[in-house]
Amino acid sequence: MAVRAEELDLGGTGPSLRLLARLFLGGATEYRFALGESVLRVLGPPRSARPGESLSVSLRYARLYPMSC
């Protein structure tokens, strides 16, 4: 399954994940989190979080996309 980075939010009741990187993209900021052996991307407004800190991540929309193998 896949989820779009802009359909996730920082904060809320989601799991706490370790922030790997924060990238400023102009109109938004991309946050990258360790999720097992994968990297989870979240797009959102700028925050003062730094790599190594933990932030909770939650689904804004309950919409998932199947991925073909």
Protein backbone atom coordinates (compact mmCIF):
# COMPACT_ATOMS: atom_id res chain seq x y z
CA MET A 1 0.00 0.00 0.00
CA ALA A 2 1.00 3.60 -0.50
CA VAL A 3 -0.13 6.87 0.96
CA ARG A 4 0.50 10.38 -0.40
CA ALA A 5 2.86 12.57 1.63
CA GLU A 6 0.37 15.47 1.62
CA GLU A 7 -2.34 13.23 3.15
CA LEU A 8 -0.37 12.85 6.39
CA ASP A 9 -0.20 15.29 9.31
CA LEU A 10 2.34 15.90 12.02
CA GLY A 11 0.86 15.61 15.48
CA GLY A 12 -2.40 14.03 16.48
CA THR A 13 -2.81 10.51 17.79
CA GLY A 14 -0.54 8.70 15.33
CA PRO A 15 2.62 6.81 16.18
CA SER A 16 5.76 8.68 17.20
CA LEU A 17 8.47 8.33 14.53
CA ARG A 18 12.09 9.46 14.40
CA LEU A 19 12.70 12.38 12.03
CA LEU A 20 15.51 11.64 9.57
CA ALA A 21 15.52 14.88 7.55
CA ARG A 22 13.62 18.12 7.00
CA LEU A 23 13.69 19.72 3.53
CA PHE A 24 12.31 23.18 2.73
CA LEU A 25 10.47 23.13 -0.62
CA GLY A 26 9.23 26.72 -0.78
CA GLY A 27 5.49 26.42 -0.21
CA ALA A 28 5.83 23.37 2.06
CA THR A 29 8.35 21.42 4.06
CA GLU A 30 9.05 17.73 3.51
CA TYR A 31 9.75 15.65 6.60
CA ARG A 32 11.29 12.19 6.26
CA PHE A 33 10.77 9.59 8.97
CA ALA A 34 12.19 6.13 9.63
CA LEU A 35 9.45 3.51 9.32
CA GLY A 36 10.99 0.07 9.63
CA GLU A 37 13.30 -0.31 6.63
CA SER A 38 11.35 2.33 4.68
CA VAL A 39 11.21 6.11 4.69
CA LEU A 40 7.87 7.86 5.23
CA ARG A 41 7.49 11.33 3.67
CA VAL A 42 5.16 13.98 5.12
CA LEU A 43 4.47 17.40 3.51
CA GLY A 44 3.40 20.20 5.79
CA PRO A 45 4.08 23.69 7.11
CA PRO A 46 7.49 24.55 8.61
CA ARG A 47 8.16 23.33 12.16
CA SER A 48 11.14 23.71 14.44
CA ALA A 49 11.70 19.93 14.63
CA ARG A 50 15.24 18.70 14.06
CA PRO A 51 16.52 15.37 12.72
CA GLY A 52 16.74 12.82 15.52
CA GLU A 53 13.62 14.13 17.30
CA SER A 54 10.43 12.08 17.43
CA LEU A 55 7.12 13.43 16.14
CA SER A 56 3.73 11.79 15.87
CA VAL A 57 2.42 11.23 12.35
CA SER A 58 -1.25 10.66 11.55
CA LEU A 59 -3.43 10.14 8.48
CA ARG A 60 -5.38 13.23 7.45
CA TYR A 61 -7.47 11.14 5.03
CA ALA A 62 -8.20 7.42 5.31
CA ARG A 63 -7.35 6.81 1.65
CA LEU A 64 -4.74 4.25 0.64
CA TYR A 65 -3.47 3.40 -2.85
CA PRO A 66 -2.57 -0.16 -3.87
CA MET A 67 0.87 -0.56 -5.41
CA SER A 68 1.60 -3.05 -8.16
CA CYS A 69 4.57 -5.34 -7.62
